[in-house]
Each structure stands twice: as structure tokens, then as C-alpha cells.
Amino acid sequence: MDIQEGHNKFYVNDGDGNQIAEIVFVPTGEHLSIIEHTDVDESLKGQGVGKLLVAKVVEKMRAENRKIIPLCPFAKHEFDKTREYDDIRA
């Protein structure tokens, strides 16, 4: 799976270049970001794409020394059940 990075988002395109999954985050202040939205096309459901997108944001925010507020319900669920994210959660 080829996850691309855009402006304040990570995304996946299909073979025709159409976006079929994305996670949007918004930096707020110097040390905080909000995961605002996660969307995965029905064609990818059940493949763990959403989890991979959350993990990409976590990796990026750790590298930037930022904490995350997971406002998106999917991201919040992932943070709630993934203890490895406790250190980065605001």
C-alpha cells in the first residue's frame, strides 16, 4: 500500500489516481495537532488502511515532538485501544 503525504494529510490513491483513503490532521500551536478526519473507501474496508493512516500521523507527530488530540471518532477509537499511543496523546 502506497501511502502518500500531502498538506496536513496522508492519503492513498487507486490505480487511476483517485483518492480512496485519507487522514487529515491540523497543527495547532507549536506542540499540538488534531486528527480531524479519517475516511476509507468501501473498497478498502477491513484491510487495516485506517490503522495504517493513524500510525503515519503518529510517526510524523513523534518526529516533530507534537502531541495529538484525536477528535475523529475512528482515530479516537484507535488511540483508546492502542497503548503504544499513550505517550503522544494530548
PDB file of N, CA and C in Angstrom:
ATOM      1  N   MET A   1       0.842  -1.176   0.000  1.00  0.00           N
ATOM      2  CA  MET A   1       0.000   0.000   0.000  1.00  0.00           C
ATOM      3  C   MET A   1       0.888   1.240   0.000  1.00  0.00           C
ATOM      4  N   ASP A   2       0.649   2.113  -0.941  1.00  0.00           N
ATOM      5  CA  ASP A   2       1.455   3.321  -1.086  1.00  0.00           C
ATOM      6  C   ASP A   2       0.734   4.501  -0.441  1.00  0.00           C
ATOM      7  N   ILE A   3       1.167   4.861   0.763  1.00  0.00           N
ATOM      8  CA  ILE A   3       0.571   5.988   1.480  1.00  0.00           C
ATOM      9  C   ILE A   3       1.381   7.233   1.162  1.00  0.00           C
ATOM     10  N   GLN A   4       0.706   8.231   0.623  1.00  0.00           N
ATOM     11  CA  GLN A   4       1.332   9.495   0.232  1.00  0.00           C
ATOM     12  C   GLN A   4       1.107  10.547   1.310  1.00  0.00           C
ATOM     13  N   GLU A   5       2.005  11.523   1.365  1.00  0.00           N
ATOM     14  CA  GLU A   5       1.831  12.638   2.286  1.00  0.00           C
ATOM     15  C   GLU A   5       1.481  13.887   1.497  1.00  0.00           C
ATOM     16  N   GLY A   6       0.413  14.558   1.924  1.00  0.00           N
ATOM     17  CA  GLY A   6       0.020  15.831   1.326  1.00  0.00           C
ATOM     18  C   GLY A   6       0.085  16.916   2.380  1.00  0.00           C
ATOM     19  N   HIS A   7      -0.534  18.042   2.096  1.00  0.00           N
ATOM     20  CA  HIS A   7      -0.566  19.147   3.049  1.00  0.00           C
ATOM     21  C   HIS A   7      -1.520  18.806   4.187  1.00  0.00           C
ATOM     22  N   ASN A   8      -0.978  18.548   5.368  1.00  0.00           N
ATOM     23  CA  ASN A   8      -1.750  18.191   6.562  1.00  0.00           C
ATOM     24  C   ASN A   8      -2.610  16.947   6.380  1.00  0.00           C
ATOM     25  N   LYS A   9      -2.119  16.004   5.584  1.00  0.00           N
ATOM     26  CA  LYS A   9      -2.860  14.755   5.428  1.00  0.00           C
ATOM     27  C   LYS A   9      -1.951  13.657   4.881  1.00  0.00           C
ATOM     28  N   PHE A  10      -2.393  12.431   5.082  1.00  0.00           N
ATOM     29  CA  PHE A  10      -1.839  11.269   4.406  1.00  0.00           C
ATOM     30  C   PHE A  10      -2.985  10.673   3.610  1.00  0.00           C
ATOM     31  N   TYR A  11      -2.677  10.070   2.468  1.00  0.00           N
ATOM     32  CA  TYR A  11      -3.747   9.555   1.620  1.00  0.00           C
ATOM     33  C   TYR A  11      -3.272   8.384   0.761  1.00  0.00           C
ATOM     34  N   VAL A  12      -4.249   7.676   0.214  1.00  0.00           N
ATOM     35  CA  VAL A  12      -3.995   6.551  -0.683  1.00  0.00           C
ATOM     36  C   VAL A  12      -4.817   6.789  -1.945  1.00  0.00           C
ATOM     37  N   ASN A  13      -4.179   6.614  -3.095  1.00  0.00           N
ATOM     38  CA  ASN A  13      -4.871   6.716  -4.373  1.00  0.00           C
ATOM     39  C   ASN A  13      -5.031   5.336  -4.992  1.00  0.00           C
ATOM     40  N   ASP A  14      -6.046   5.198  -5.823  1.00  0.00           N
ATOM     41  CA  ASP A  14      -6.197   3.946  -6.575  1.00  0.00           C
ATOM     42  C   ASP A  14      -5.311   4.011  -7.822  1.00  0.00           C
ATOM     43  N   GLY A  15      -5.372   2.996  -8.645  1.00  0.00           N
ATOM     44  CA  GLY A  15      -4.540   2.911  -9.840  1.00  0.00           C
ATOM     45  C   GLY A  15      -4.788   4.018 -10.843  1.00  0.00           C
ATOM     46  N   ASP A  16      -5.963   4.650 -10.765  1.00  0.00           N
ATOM     47  CA  ASP A  16      -6.311   5.741 -11.684  1.00  0.00           C
ATOM     48  C   ASP A  16      -5.997   7.117 -11.106  1.00  0.00           C
ATOM     49  N   GLY A  17      -5.421   7.140  -9.900  1.00  0.00           N
ATOM     50  CA  GLY A  17      -5.073   8.418  -9.288  1.00  0.00           C
ATOM     51  C   GLY A  17      -6.181   9.052  -8.470  1.00  0.00           C
ATOM     52  N   ASN A  18      -7.270   8.315  -8.252  1.00  0.00           N
ATOM     53  CA  ASN A  18      -8.367   8.828  -7.424  1.00  0.00           C
ATOM     54  C   ASN A  18      -8.083   8.529  -5.954  1.00  0.00           C
ATOM     55  N   GLN A  19      -8.290   9.509  -5.107  1.00  0.00           N
ATOM     56  CA  GLN A  19      -8.062   9.319  -3.672  1.00  0.00           C
ATOM     57  C   GLN A  19      -9.130   8.389  -3.104  1.00  0.00           C
ATOM     58  N   ILE A  20      -8.674   7.330  -2.416  1.00  0.00           N
ATOM     59  CA  ILE A  20      -9.621   6.356  -1.863  1.00  0.00           C
ATOM     60  C   ILE A  20      -9.508   6.208  -0.354  1.00  0.00           C
ATOM     61  N   ALA A  21      -8.553   6.916   0.249  1.00  0.00           N
ATOM     62  CA  ALA A  21      -8.441   6.923   1.713  1.00  0.00           C
ATOM     63  C   ALA A  21      -7.640   8.152   2.116  1.00  0.00           C
ATOM     64  N   GLU A  22      -8.000   8.728   3.285  1.00  0.00           N
ATOM     65  CA  GLU A  22      -7.236   9.871   3.775  1.00  0.00           C
ATOM     66  C   GLU A  22      -7.410  10.031   5.272  1.00  0.00           C
ATOM     67  N   ILE A  23      -6.416  10.673   5.861  1.00  0.00           N
ATOM     68  CA  ILE A  23      -6.498  11.119   7.248  1.00  0.00           C
ATOM     69  C   ILE A  23      -6.002  12.557   7.246  1.00  0.00           C
ATOM     70  N   VAL A  24      -6.781  13.438   7.878  1.00  0.00           N
ATOM     71  CA  VAL A  24      -6.475  14.860   7.886  1.00  0.00           C
ATOM     72  C   VAL A  24      -6.147  15.277   9.316  1.00  0.00           C
ATOM     73  N   PHE A  25      -5.030  15.988   9.465  1.00  0.00           N
ATOM     74  CA  PHE A  25      -4.631  16.494  10.776  1.00  0.00           C
ATOM     75  C   PHE A  25      -4.343  17.984  10.650  1.00  0.00           C
ATOM     76  N   VAL A  26      -4.545  18.694  11.756  1.00  0.00           N
ATOM     77  CA  VAL A  26      -4.369  20.139  11.758  1.00  0.00           C
ATOM     78  C   VAL A  26      -3.407  20.521  12.884  1.00  0.00           C
ATOM     79  N   PRO A  27      -2.224  21.047  12.536  1.00  0.00           N
ATOM     80  CA  PRO A  27      -1.335  21.540  13.582  1.00  0.00           C
ATOM     81  C   PRO A  27      -1.987  22.741  14.281  1.00  0.00           C
ATOM     82  N   THR A  28      -1.912  22.771  15.590  1.00  0.00           N
ATOM     83  CA  THR A  28      -2.448  23.887  16.358  1.00  0.00           C
ATOM     84  C   THR A  28      -1.437  24.230  17.440  1.00  0.00           C
ATOM     85  N   GLY A  29      -0.898  25.412  17.378  1.00  0.00           N
ATOM     86  CA  GLY A  29       0.163  25.776  18.296  1.00  0.00           C
ATOM     87  C   GLY A  29       1.469  25.107  17.901  1.00  0.00           C
ATOM     88  N   GLU A  30       2.461  25.230  18.783  1.00  0.00           N
ATOM     89  CA  GLU A  30       3.783  24.701  18.467  1.00  0.00           C
ATOM     90  C   GLU A  30       3.930  23.204  18.717  1.00  0.00           C
ATOM     91  N   HIS A  31       3.143  22.650  19.634  1.00  0.00           N
ATOM     92  CA  HIS A  31       3.390  21.272  20.057  1.00  0.00           C
ATOM     93  C   HIS A  31       2.150  20.394  20.044  1.00  0.00           C
ATOM     94  N   LEU A  32       1.170  20.750  19.233  1.00  0.00           N
ATOM     95  CA  LEU A  32      -0.085  20.019  19.246  1.00  0.00           C
ATOM     96  C   LEU A  32      -0.651  19.899  17.835  1.00  0.00           C
ATOM     97  N   SER A  33      -1.275  18.761  17.553  1.00  0.00           N
ATOM     98  CA  SER A  33      -2.008  18.568  16.302  1.00  0.00           C
ATOM     99  C   SER A  33      -3.309  17.847  16.611  1.00  0.00           C
ATOM    100  N   ILE A  34      -4.302  18.103  15.795  1.00  0.00           N
ATOM    101  CA  ILE A  34      -5.612  17.470  15.938  1.00  0.00           C
ATOM    102  C   ILE A  34      -5.834  16.562  14.738  1.00  0.00           C
ATOM    103  N   ILE A  35      -6.189  15.292  14.994  1.00  0.00           N
ATOM    104  CA  ILE A  35      -6.641  14.424  13.900  1.00  0.00           C
ATOM    105  C   ILE A  35      -8.121  14.735  13.733  1.00  0.00           C
ATOM    106  N   GLU A  36      -8.423  15.309  12.595  1.00  0.00           N
ATOM    107  CA  GLU A  36      -9.743  15.862  12.343  1.00  0.00           C
ATOM    108  C   GLU A  36     -10.670  14.884  11.628  1.00  0.00           C
ATOM    109  N   HIS A  37     -10.117  14.065  10.737  1.00  0.00           N
ATOM    110  CA  HIS A  37     -10.977  13.296   9.846  1.00  0.00           C
ATOM    111  C   HIS A  37     -10.211  12.090   9.298  1.00  0.00           C
ATOM    112  N   THR A  38     -10.886  10.963   9.231  1.00  0.00           N
ATOM    113  CA  THR A  38     -10.350   9.774   8.570  1.00  0.00           C
ATOM    114  C   THR A  38     -11.446   9.223   7.668  1.00  0.00           C
ATOM    115  N   ASP A  39     -11.086   8.905   6.441  1.00  0.00           N
ATOM    116  CA  ASP A  39     -12.069   8.361   5.505  1.00  0.00           C
ATOM    117  C   ASP A  39     -11.402   7.266   4.677  1.00  0.00           C
ATOM    118  N   VAL A  40     -12.057   6.112   4.617  1.00  0.00           N
ATOM    119  CA  VAL A  40     -11.551   4.987   3.830  1.00  0.00           C
ATOM    120  C   VAL A  40     -12.682   4.491   2.949  1.00  0.00           C
ATOM    121  N   ASP A  41     -12.417   4.383   1.658  1.00  0.00           N
ATOM    122  CA  ASP A  41     -13.410   3.912   0.697  1.00  0.00           C
ATOM    123  C   ASP A  41     -13.856   2.491   1.025  1.00  0.00           C
ATOM    124  N   GLU A  42     -15.100   2.193   0.711  1.00  0.00           N
ATOM    125  CA  GLU A  42     -15.657   0.854   0.952  1.00  0.00           C
ATOM    126  C   GLU A  42     -14.793  -0.254   0.356  1.00  0.00           C
ATOM    127  N   SER A  43     -14.142   0.027  -0.773  1.00  0.00           N
ATOM    128  CA  SER A  43     -13.319  -0.998  -1.444  1.00  0.00           C
ATOM    129  C   SER A  43     -12.117  -1.417  -0.598  1.00  0.00           C
ATOM    130  N   LEU A  44     -11.760  -0.609   0.397  1.00  0.00           N
ATOM    131  CA  LEU A  44     -10.606  -0.911   1.252  1.00  0.00           C
ATOM    132  C   LEU A  44     -10.999  -1.346   2.660  1.00  0.00           C
ATOM    133  N   LYS A  45     -12.284  -1.345   2.964  1.00  0.00           N
ATOM    134  CA  LYS A  45     -12.744  -1.674   4.317  1.00  0.00           C
ATOM    135  C   LYS A  45     -12.234  -3.050   4.736  1.00  0.00           C
ATOM    136  N   GLY A  46     -11.841  -3.151   6.008  1.00  0.00           N
ATOM    137  CA  GLY A  46     -11.394  -4.426   6.553  1.00  0.00           C
ATOM    138  C   GLY A  46      -9.949  -4.774   6.260  1.00  0.00           C
ATOM    139  N   GLN A  47      -9.219  -3.865   5.617  1.00  0.00           N
ATOM    140  CA  GLN A  47      -7.829  -4.140   5.256  1.00  0.00           C
ATOM    141  C   GLN A  47      -6.824  -3.428   6.174  1.00  0.00           C
ATOM    142  N   GLY A  48      -7.320  -2.738   7.181  1.00  0.00           N
ATOM    143  CA  GLY A  48      -6.429  -2.070   8.121  1.00  0.00           C
ATOM    144  C   GLY A  48      -5.852  -0.760   7.622  1.00  0.00           C
ATOM    145  N   VAL A  49      -6.444  -0.198   6.576  1.00  0.00           N
ATOM    146  CA  VAL A  49      -5.919   1.038   5.989  1.00  0.00           C
ATOM    147  C   VAL A  49      -6.050   2.201   6.975  1.00  0.00           C
ATOM    148  N   GLY A  50      -7.178   2.297   7.662  1.00  0.00           N
ATOM    149  CA  GLY A  50      -7.369   3.361   8.639  1.00  0.00           C
ATOM    150  C   GLY A  50      -6.312   3.313   9.727  1.00  0.00           C
ATOM    151  N   LYS A  51      -6.005   2.124  10.213  1.00  0.00           N
ATOM    152  CA  LYS A  51      -4.981   1.960  11.242  1.00  0.00           C
ATOM    153  C   LYS A  51      -3.616   2.415  10.731  1.00  0.00           C
ATOM    154  N   LEU A  52      -3.313   2.073   9.487  1.00  0.00           N
ATOM    155  CA  LEU A  52      -2.041   2.492   8.891  1.00  0.00           C
ATOM    156  C   LEU A  52      -1.953   4.008   8.769  1.00  0.00           C
ATOM    157  N   LEU A  53      -3.067   4.639   8.425  1.00  0.00           N
ATOM    158  CA  LEU A  53      -3.087   6.096   8.301  1.00  0.00           C
ATOM    159  C   LEU A  53      -2.871   6.761   9.670  1.00  0.00           C
ATOM    160  N   VAL A  54      -3.530   6.245  10.703  1.00  0.00           N
ATOM    161  CA  VAL A  54      -3.327   6.775  12.055  1.00  0.00           C
ATOM    162  C   VAL A  54      -1.865   6.602  12.445  1.00  0.00           C
ATOM    163  N   ALA A  55      -1.293   5.457  12.163  1.00  0.00           N
ATOM    164  CA  ALA A  55       0.112   5.193  12.507  1.00  0.00           C
ATOM    165  C   ALA A  55       1.052   6.165  11.805  1.00  0.00           C
ATOM    166  N   LYS A  56       0.747   6.542  10.569  1.00  0.00           N
ATOM    167  CA  LYS A  56       1.580   7.505   9.836  1.00  0.00           C
ATOM    168  C   LYS A  56       1.553   8.874  10.512  1.00  0.00           C
ATOM    169  N   VAL A  57       0.368   9.295  10.959  1.00  0.00           N
ATOM    170  CA  VAL A  57       0.275  10.581  11.655  1.00  0.00           C
ATOM    171  C   VAL A  57       1.051  10.519  12.965  1.00  0.00           C
ATOM    172  N   VAL A  58       0.902   9.425  13.708  1.00  0.00           N
ATOM    173  CA  VAL A  58       1.626   9.264  14.969  1.00  0.00           C
ATOM    174  C   VAL A  58       3.138   9.346  14.718  1.00  0.00           C
ATOM    175  N   GLU A  59       3.614   8.653  13.708  1.00  0.00           N
ATOM    176  CA  GLU A  59       5.044   8.664  13.373  1.00  0.00           C
ATOM    177  C   GLU A  59       5.521  10.090  13.061  1.00  0.00           C
ATOM    178  N   LYS A  60       4.765  10.806  12.266  1.00  0.00           N
ATOM    179  CA  LYS A  60       5.127  12.172  11.886  1.00  0.00           C
ATOM    180  C   LYS A  60       5.118  13.100  13.102  1.00  0.00           C
ATOM    181  N   MET A  61       4.089  12.989  13.926  1.00  0.00           N
ATOM    182  CA  MET A  61       3.984  13.878  15.084  1.00  0.00           C
ATOM    183  C   MET A  61       5.063  13.582  16.131  1.00  0.00           C
ATOM    184  N   ARG A  62       5.435  12.325  16.276  1.00  0.00           N
ATOM    185  CA  ARG A  62       6.544  11.985  17.184  1.00  0.00           C
ATOM    186  C   ARG A  62       7.830  12.635  16.697  1.00  0.00           C
ATOM    187  N   ALA A  63       8.064  12.566  15.388  1.00  0.00           N
ATOM    188  CA  ALA A  63       9.274  13.158  14.809  1.00  0.00           C
ATOM    189  C   ALA A  63       9.297  14.673  14.986  1.00  0.00           C
ATOM    190  N   GLU A  64       8.117  15.285  15.044  1.00  0.00           N
ATOM    191  CA  GLU A  64       8.008  16.739  15.193  1.00  0.00           C
ATOM    192  C   GLU A  64       7.810  17.166  16.652  1.00  0.00           C
ATOM    193  N   ASN A  65       7.881  16.210  17.580  1.00  0.00           N
ATOM    194  CA  ASN A  65       7.675  16.493  19.007  1.00  0.00           C
ATOM    195  C   ASN A  65       6.326  17.148  19.284  1.00  0.00           C
ATOM    196  N   ARG A  66       5.290  16.625  18.663  1.00  0.00           N
ATOM    197  CA  ARG A  66       3.937  17.136  18.861  1.00  0.00           C
ATOM    198  C   ARG A  66       3.083  16.085  19.548  1.00  0.00           C
ATOM    199  N   LYS A  67       2.119  16.532  20.309  1.00  0.00           N
ATOM    200  CA  LYS A  67       1.099  15.647  20.882  1.00  0.00           C
ATOM    201  C   LYS A  67      -0.112  15.686  19.964  1.00  0.00           C
ATOM    202  N   ILE A  68      -0.980  14.689  20.086  1.00  0.00           N
ATOM    203  CA  ILE A  68      -2.148  14.567  19.207  1.00  0.00           C
ATOM    204  C   ILE A  68      -3.427  14.566  20.027  1.00  0.00           C
ATOM    205  N   ILE A  69      -4.406  15.323  19.544  1.00  0.00           N
ATOM    206  CA  ILE A  69      -5.781  15.233  20.037  1.00  0.00           C
ATOM    207  C   ILE A  69      -6.571  14.502  18.950  1.00  0.00           C
ATOM    208  N   PRO A  70      -7.005  13.278  19.203  1.00  0.00           N
ATOM    209  CA  PRO A  70      -7.743  12.529  18.185  1.00  0.00           C
ATOM    210  C   PRO A  70      -9.246  12.853  18.237  1.00  0.00           C
ATOM    211  N   LEU A  71      -9.663  13.924  17.569  1.00  0.00           N
ATOM    212  CA  LEU A  71     -11.079  14.299  17.551  1.00  0.00           C
ATOM    213  C   LEU A  71     -11.909  13.386  16.650  1.00  0.00           C
ATOM    214  N   CYS A  72     -11.311  12.914  15.572  1.00  0.00           N
ATOM    215  CA  CYS A  72     -12.000  11.997  14.665  1.00  0.00           C
ATOM    216  C   CYS A  72     -12.390  10.729  15.440  1.00  0.00           C
ATOM    217  N   PRO A  73     -13.643  10.290  15.344  1.00  0.00           N
ATOM    218  CA  PRO A  73     -14.067   9.107  16.100  1.00  0.00           C
ATOM    219  C   PRO A  73     -13.232   7.854  15.819  1.00  0.00           C
ATOM    220  N   PHE A  74     -12.853   7.630  14.569  1.00  0.00           N
ATOM    221  CA  PHE A  74     -12.038   6.449  14.261  1.00  0.00           C
ATOM    222  C   PHE A  74     -10.667   6.556  14.929  1.00  0.00           C
ATOM    223  N   ALA A  75     -10.023   7.718  14.790  1.00  0.00           N
ATOM    224  CA  ALA A  75      -8.704   7.905  15.394  1.00  0.00           C
ATOM    225  C   ALA A  75      -8.797   7.790  16.914  1.00  0.00           C
ATOM    226  N   LYS A  76      -9.839   8.352  17.509  1.00  0.00           N
ATOM    227  CA  LYS A  76     -10.027   8.255  18.961  1.00  0.00           C
ATOM    228  C   LYS A  76     -10.121   6.796  19.385  1.00  0.00           C
ATOM    229  N   HIS A  77     -10.870   6.007  18.628  1.00  0.00           N
ATOM    230  CA  HIS A  77     -11.000   4.580  18.917  1.00  0.00           C
ATOM    231  C   HIS A  77      -9.634   3.895  18.845  1.00  0.00           C
ATOM    232  N   GLU A  78      -8.844   4.218  17.841  1.00  0.00           N
ATOM    233  CA  GLU A  78      -7.511   3.627  17.700  1.00  0.00           C
ATOM    234  C   GLU A  78      -6.617   4.022  18.876  1.00  0.00           C
ATOM    235  N   PHE A  79      -6.674   5.273  19.284  1.00  0.00           N
ATOM    236  CA  PHE A  79      -5.882   5.725  20.431  1.00  0.00           C
ATOM    237  C   PHE A  79      -6.344   5.042  21.711  1.00  0.00           C
ATOM    238  N   ASP A  80      -7.656   4.868  21.868  1.00  0.00           N
ATOM    239  CA  ASP A  80      -8.197   4.230  23.075  1.00  0.00           C
ATOM    240  C   ASP A  80      -7.732   2.790  23.220  1.00  0.00           C
ATOM    241  N   LYS A  81      -7.559   2.088  22.105  1.00  0.00           N
ATOM    242  CA  LYS A  81      -7.205   0.666  22.196  1.00  0.00           C
ATOM    243  C   LYS A  81      -5.727   0.369  21.919  1.00  0.00           C
ATOM    244  N   THR A  82      -4.949   1.395  21.586  1.00  0.00           N
ATOM    245  CA  THR A  82      -3.533   1.186  21.280  1.00  0.00           C
ATOM    246  C   THR A  82      -2.689   1.867  22.345  1.00  0.00           C
ATOM    247  N   ARG A  83      -2.241   1.091  23.315  1.00  0.00           N
ATOM    248  CA  ARG A  83      -1.473   1.660  24.443  1.00  0.00           C
ATOM    249  C   ARG A  83      -0.169   2.322  23.989  1.00  0.00           C
ATOM    250  N   GLU A  84       0.378   1.905  22.851  1.00  0.00           N
ATOM    251  CA  GLU A  84       1.619   2.478  22.347  1.00  0.00           C
ATOM    252  C   GLU A  84       1.449   3.952  21.970  1.00  0.00           C
ATOM    253  N   TYR A  85       0.231   4.429  21.875  1.00  0.00           N
ATOM    254  CA  TYR A  85      -0.036   5.824  21.533  1.00  0.00           C
ATOM    255  C   TYR A  85      -0.227   6.709  22.767  1.00  0.00           C
ATOM    256  N   ASP A  86      -0.215   6.126  23.948  1.00  0.00           N
ATOM    257  CA  ASP A  86      -0.464   6.895  25.170  1.00  0.00           C
ATOM    258  C   ASP A  86       0.511   8.060  25.336  1.00  0.00           C
ATOM    259  N   ASP A  87       1.766   7.851  24.929  1.00  0.00           N
ATOM    260  CA  ASP A  87       2.787   8.878  25.118  1.00  0.00           C
ATOM    261  C   ASP A  87       2.573  10.115  24.251  1.00  0.00           C
ATOM    262  N   ILE A  88       1.856   9.960  23.165  1.00  0.00           N
ATOM    263  CA  ILE A  88       1.708  11.068  22.212  1.00  0.00           C
ATOM    264  C   ILE A  88       0.332  11.724  22.287  1.00  0.00           C
ATOM    265  N   ARG A  89      -0.552  11.117  23.060  1.00  0.00           N
ATOM    266  CA  ARG A  89      -1.909  11.668  23.174  1.00  0.00           C
ATOM    267  C   ARG A  89      -1.923  12.879  24.098  1.00  0.00           C
ATOM    268  N   ALA A  90      -2.538  13.955  23.649  1.00  0.00           N
ATOM    269  CA  ALA A  90      -2.637  15.172  24.464  1.00  0.00           C
ATOM    270  C   ALA A  90      -3.759  15.028  25.468  1.00  0.00           C
TER     271      ALA A  90
END
